[in-house]
Amino acid sequence: MHNEAYLATWTAYQSAWSHRLSARERQELLTSTVAEDCVFTDPTDQGHGHAELSAKIGGSNQRFPARRSRTRRSSITTRRR
């Protein structure tokens, strides 16, 4: 996958974390960026699938309403096989 495609996918996924999105909009972004059977982990939690990830994002947005994130273009790299 080309770097531009990685960047577009990452940007869409990162947008799913926006406070301004409805649950439906967040679900659409997750559907377009991660597999239905995705597994996510962090130091205190783990989950499986779009519904649990969407709930995790919604909970995070409630707990940290002032959180903002951004990605520098240079942090998107391509792994060659």
N, C-alpha and C. Protein backbone atom coordinates (compact mmCIF):
# COMPACT_ATOMS: atom_id res chain seq x y z
N MET A 1 0.85 -1.18 0.00
CA MET A 1 0.00 0.00 0.00
C MET A 1 0.90 1.24 0.00
N HIS A 2 0.58 2.20 -0.78
CA HIS A 2 1.33 3.43 -0.91
C HIS A 2 1.15 4.31 0.32
N ASN A 3 2.15 5.14 0.63
CA ASN A 3 2.07 6.02 1.80
C ASN A 3 0.82 6.88 1.80
N GLU A 4 0.38 7.35 0.65
CA GLU A 4 -0.83 8.18 0.59
C GLU A 4 -2.05 7.39 1.05
N ALA A 5 -2.10 6.12 0.69
CA ALA A 5 -3.21 5.27 1.12
C ALA A 5 -3.16 5.04 2.63
N TYR A 6 -1.95 4.80 3.16
CA TYR A 6 -1.81 4.67 4.61
C TYR A 6 -2.29 5.93 5.31
N LEU A 7 -1.84 7.07 4.81
CA LEU A 7 -2.21 8.35 5.40
C LEU A 7 -3.72 8.56 5.36
N ALA A 8 -4.35 8.24 4.25
CA ALA A 8 -5.80 8.41 4.13
C ALA A 8 -6.53 7.50 5.11
N THR A 9 -6.07 6.25 5.23
CA THR A 9 -6.70 5.32 6.18
C THR A 9 -6.51 5.79 7.61
N TRP A 10 -5.28 6.19 7.95
CA TRP A 10 -5.00 6.65 9.31
C TRP A 10 -5.81 7.91 9.62
N THR A 11 -5.90 8.83 8.69
CA THR A 11 -6.65 10.06 8.91
C THR A 11 -8.12 9.76 9.15
N ALA A 12 -8.69 8.84 8.39
CA ALA A 12 -10.10 8.46 8.60
C ALA A 12 -10.28 7.80 9.96
N TYR A 13 -9.36 6.90 10.34
CA TYR A 13 -9.45 6.26 11.65
C TYR A 13 -9.34 7.29 12.77
N GLN A 14 -8.37 8.17 12.64
CA GLN A 14 -8.18 9.21 13.65
C GLN A 14 -9.42 10.11 13.75
N SER A 15 -10.07 10.35 12.63
CA SER A 15 -11.29 11.16 12.63
C SER A 15 -12.41 10.50 13.41
N ALA A 16 -12.38 9.17 13.48
CA ALA A 16 -13.41 8.45 14.25
C ALA A 16 -13.35 8.82 15.73
N TRP A 17 -12.23 9.35 16.18
CA TRP A 17 -12.06 9.75 17.59
C TRP A 17 -12.57 11.17 17.85
N SER A 18 -13.10 11.82 16.85
CA SER A 18 -13.58 13.20 17.00
C SER A 18 -14.78 13.28 17.95
N HIS A 19 -14.79 14.28 18.77
CA HIS A 19 -15.90 14.54 19.69
C HIS A 19 -17.16 14.99 18.95
N ARG A 20 -16.99 15.48 17.74
CA ARG A 20 -18.11 16.07 17.01
C ARG A 20 -18.96 15.04 16.25
N LEU A 21 -18.52 13.81 16.21
CA LEU A 21 -19.22 12.80 15.42
C LEU A 21 -20.34 12.14 16.21
N SER A 22 -21.38 11.77 15.49
CA SER A 22 -22.41 10.94 16.09
C SER A 22 -21.90 9.49 16.11
N ALA A 23 -22.57 8.65 16.87
CA ALA A 23 -22.19 7.24 16.91
C ALA A 23 -22.27 6.62 15.52
N ARG A 24 -23.27 6.99 14.73
CA ARG A 24 -23.42 6.46 13.37
C ARG A 24 -22.23 6.88 12.49
N GLU A 25 -21.83 8.15 12.57
CA GLU A 25 -20.70 8.63 11.78
C GLU A 25 -19.41 7.92 12.19
N ARG A 26 -19.23 7.75 13.51
CA ARG A 26 -18.05 7.04 14.00
C ARG A 26 -18.04 5.61 13.47
N GLN A 27 -19.17 4.94 13.50
CA GLN A 27 -19.27 3.57 13.01
C GLN A 27 -18.91 3.49 11.52
N GLU A 28 -19.36 4.44 10.73
CA GLU A 28 -19.03 4.45 9.30
C GLU A 28 -17.53 4.57 9.08
N LEU A 29 -16.88 5.44 9.85
CA LEU A 29 -15.43 5.59 9.70
C LEU A 29 -14.70 4.32 10.13
N LEU A 30 -15.14 3.71 11.22
CA LEU A 30 -14.49 2.47 11.66
C LEU A 30 -14.68 1.36 10.63
N THR A 31 -15.86 1.27 10.06
CA THR A 31 -16.13 0.25 9.04
C THR A 31 -15.20 0.42 7.84
N SER A 32 -14.87 1.67 7.52
CA SER A 32 -14.02 1.91 6.35
C SER A 32 -12.53 1.81 6.65
N THR A 33 -12.15 1.66 7.92
CA THR A 33 -10.72 1.70 8.24
C THR A 33 -10.19 0.47 8.98
N VAL A 34 -11.02 -0.25 9.71
CA VAL A 34 -10.53 -1.42 10.44
C VAL A 34 -11.43 -2.62 10.17
N ALA A 35 -10.86 -3.80 10.29
CA ALA A 35 -11.61 -5.03 10.06
C ALA A 35 -12.68 -5.22 11.13
N GLU A 36 -13.78 -5.86 10.76
CA GLU A 36 -14.87 -6.12 11.72
C GLU A 36 -14.37 -6.92 12.91
N ASP A 37 -13.43 -7.81 12.68
CA ASP A 37 -12.92 -8.64 13.78
C ASP A 37 -11.65 -8.06 14.41
N CYS A 38 -11.51 -6.73 14.34
CA CYS A 38 -10.33 -6.08 14.90
C CYS A 38 -10.22 -6.36 16.41
N VAL A 39 -9.00 -6.32 16.88
CA VAL A 39 -8.71 -6.44 18.30
C VAL A 39 -7.93 -5.20 18.68
N PHE A 40 -8.37 -4.53 19.75
CA PHE A 40 -7.64 -3.36 20.21
C PHE A 40 -7.27 -3.55 21.66
N THR A 41 -6.11 -3.01 22.02
CA THR A 41 -5.63 -3.11 23.39
C THR A 41 -5.01 -1.79 23.81
N ASP A 42 -5.06 -1.53 25.07
CA ASP A 42 -4.31 -0.44 25.67
C ASP A 42 -3.88 -0.95 27.05
N PRO A 43 -3.16 -0.17 27.82
CA PRO A 43 -2.67 -0.69 29.10
C PRO A 43 -3.75 -1.16 30.08
N THR A 44 -4.98 -0.68 29.93
CA THR A 44 -6.02 -1.03 30.90
C THR A 44 -7.21 -1.78 30.33
N ASP A 45 -7.24 -2.01 29.03
CA ASP A 45 -8.45 -2.55 28.42
C ASP A 45 -8.11 -3.28 27.13
N GLN A 46 -9.03 -4.09 26.68
CA GLN A 46 -8.97 -4.67 25.35
C GLN A 46 -10.38 -4.93 24.87
N GLY A 47 -10.54 -5.05 23.59
CA GLY A 47 -11.86 -5.30 23.03
C GLY A 47 -11.75 -5.87 21.64
N HIS A 48 -12.91 -6.25 21.10
CA HIS A 48 -12.97 -6.89 19.80
C HIS A 48 -14.12 -6.31 18.98
N GLY A 49 -13.85 -5.98 17.74
CA GLY A 49 -14.89 -5.57 16.82
C GLY A 49 -15.24 -4.10 16.86
N HIS A 50 -15.98 -3.70 15.84
CA HIS A 50 -16.37 -2.30 15.68
C HIS A 50 -17.19 -1.77 16.85
N ALA A 51 -18.16 -2.54 17.32
CA ALA A 51 -19.06 -2.05 18.38
C ALA A 51 -18.29 -1.75 19.65
N GLU A 52 -17.38 -2.64 20.05
CA GLU A 52 -16.61 -2.40 21.27
C GLU A 52 -15.63 -1.25 21.09
N LEU A 53 -15.01 -1.15 19.91
CA LEU A 53 -14.09 -0.04 19.65
C LEU A 53 -14.85 1.28 19.66
N SER A 54 -16.01 1.31 19.04
CA SER A 54 -16.83 2.53 19.03
C SER A 54 -17.22 2.93 20.45
N ALA A 55 -17.59 1.96 21.28
CA ALA A 55 -17.94 2.25 22.68
C ALA A 55 -16.71 2.77 23.43
N LYS A 56 -15.55 2.21 23.16
CA LYS A 56 -14.30 2.67 23.79
C LYS A 56 -14.02 4.12 23.41
N ILE A 57 -14.18 4.44 22.15
CA ILE A 57 -13.96 5.81 21.69
C ILE A 57 -14.96 6.75 22.35
N GLY A 58 -16.23 6.38 22.36
CA GLY A 58 -17.26 7.21 22.99
C GLY A 58 -16.97 7.46 24.45
N GLY A 59 -16.55 6.41 25.18
CA GLY A 59 -16.20 6.56 26.59
C GLY A 59 -15.00 7.45 26.78
N SER A 60 -14.01 7.30 25.93
CA SER A 60 -12.81 8.14 26.01
C SER A 60 -13.16 9.61 25.76
N ASN A 61 -14.03 9.84 24.79
CA ASN A 61 -14.44 11.21 24.49
C ASN A 61 -15.19 11.84 25.68
N GLN A 62 -15.95 11.05 26.41
CA GLN A 62 -16.65 11.57 27.59
C GLN A 62 -15.68 11.84 28.72
N ARG A 63 -14.72 10.96 28.93
CA ARG A 63 -13.77 11.13 30.03
C ARG A 63 -12.74 12.22 29.78
N PHE A 64 -12.39 12.42 28.51
CA PHE A 64 -11.34 13.39 28.16
C PHE A 64 -11.87 14.34 27.08
N PRO A 65 -12.81 15.20 27.43
CA PRO A 65 -13.46 16.04 26.42
C PRO A 65 -12.54 17.05 25.74
N ALA A 66 -11.42 17.38 26.34
CA ALA A 66 -10.52 18.36 25.74
C ALA A 66 -9.40 17.71 24.94
N ARG A 67 -9.40 16.38 24.84
CA ARG A 67 -8.33 15.67 24.14
C ARG A 67 -8.33 16.02 22.66
N ARG A 68 -7.15 16.24 22.14
CA ARG A 68 -6.97 16.49 20.70
C ARG A 68 -5.79 15.66 20.23
N SER A 69 -5.81 15.26 18.99
CA SER A 69 -4.68 14.52 18.44
C SER A 69 -4.44 14.96 17.02
N ARG A 70 -3.22 14.73 16.58
CA ARG A 70 -2.87 15.02 15.20
C ARG A 70 -1.73 14.11 14.80
N THR A 71 -1.57 13.94 13.52
CA THR A 71 -0.52 13.09 12.99
C THR A 71 0.34 13.91 12.05
N ARG A 72 1.64 13.81 12.26
CA ARG A 72 2.55 14.44 11.32
C ARG A 72 2.71 13.51 10.12
N ARG A 73 2.70 14.06 8.98
CA ARG A 73 2.81 13.28 7.75
C ARG A 73 4.05 12.38 7.78
N SER A 74 5.11 12.83 8.37
CA SER A 74 6.36 12.05 8.37
C SER A 74 6.27 10.79 9.23
N SER A 75 5.23 10.66 10.06
CA SER A 75 5.13 9.49 10.92
C SER A 75 4.46 8.31 10.20
N ILE A 76 3.97 8.50 8.99
CA ILE A 76 3.36 7.42 8.22
C ILE A 76 4.45 6.80 7.35
N THR A 77 4.73 5.54 7.57
CA THR A 77 5.80 4.88 6.82
C THR A 77 5.27 3.61 6.15
N THR A 78 5.99 3.16 5.19
CA THR A 78 5.63 1.93 4.49
C THR A 78 6.60 0.83 4.90
N ARG A 79 6.06 -0.31 5.27
CA ARG A 79 6.89 -1.47 5.58
C ARG A 79 6.95 -2.34 4.33
N ARG A 80 8.14 -2.57 3.85
CA ARG A 80 8.30 -3.39 2.65
C ARG A 80 8.55 -4.84 3.05
N ARG A 81 7.94 -5.74 2.30
CA ARG A 81 8.10 -7.18 2.57
C ARG A 81 8.89 -7.82 1.48
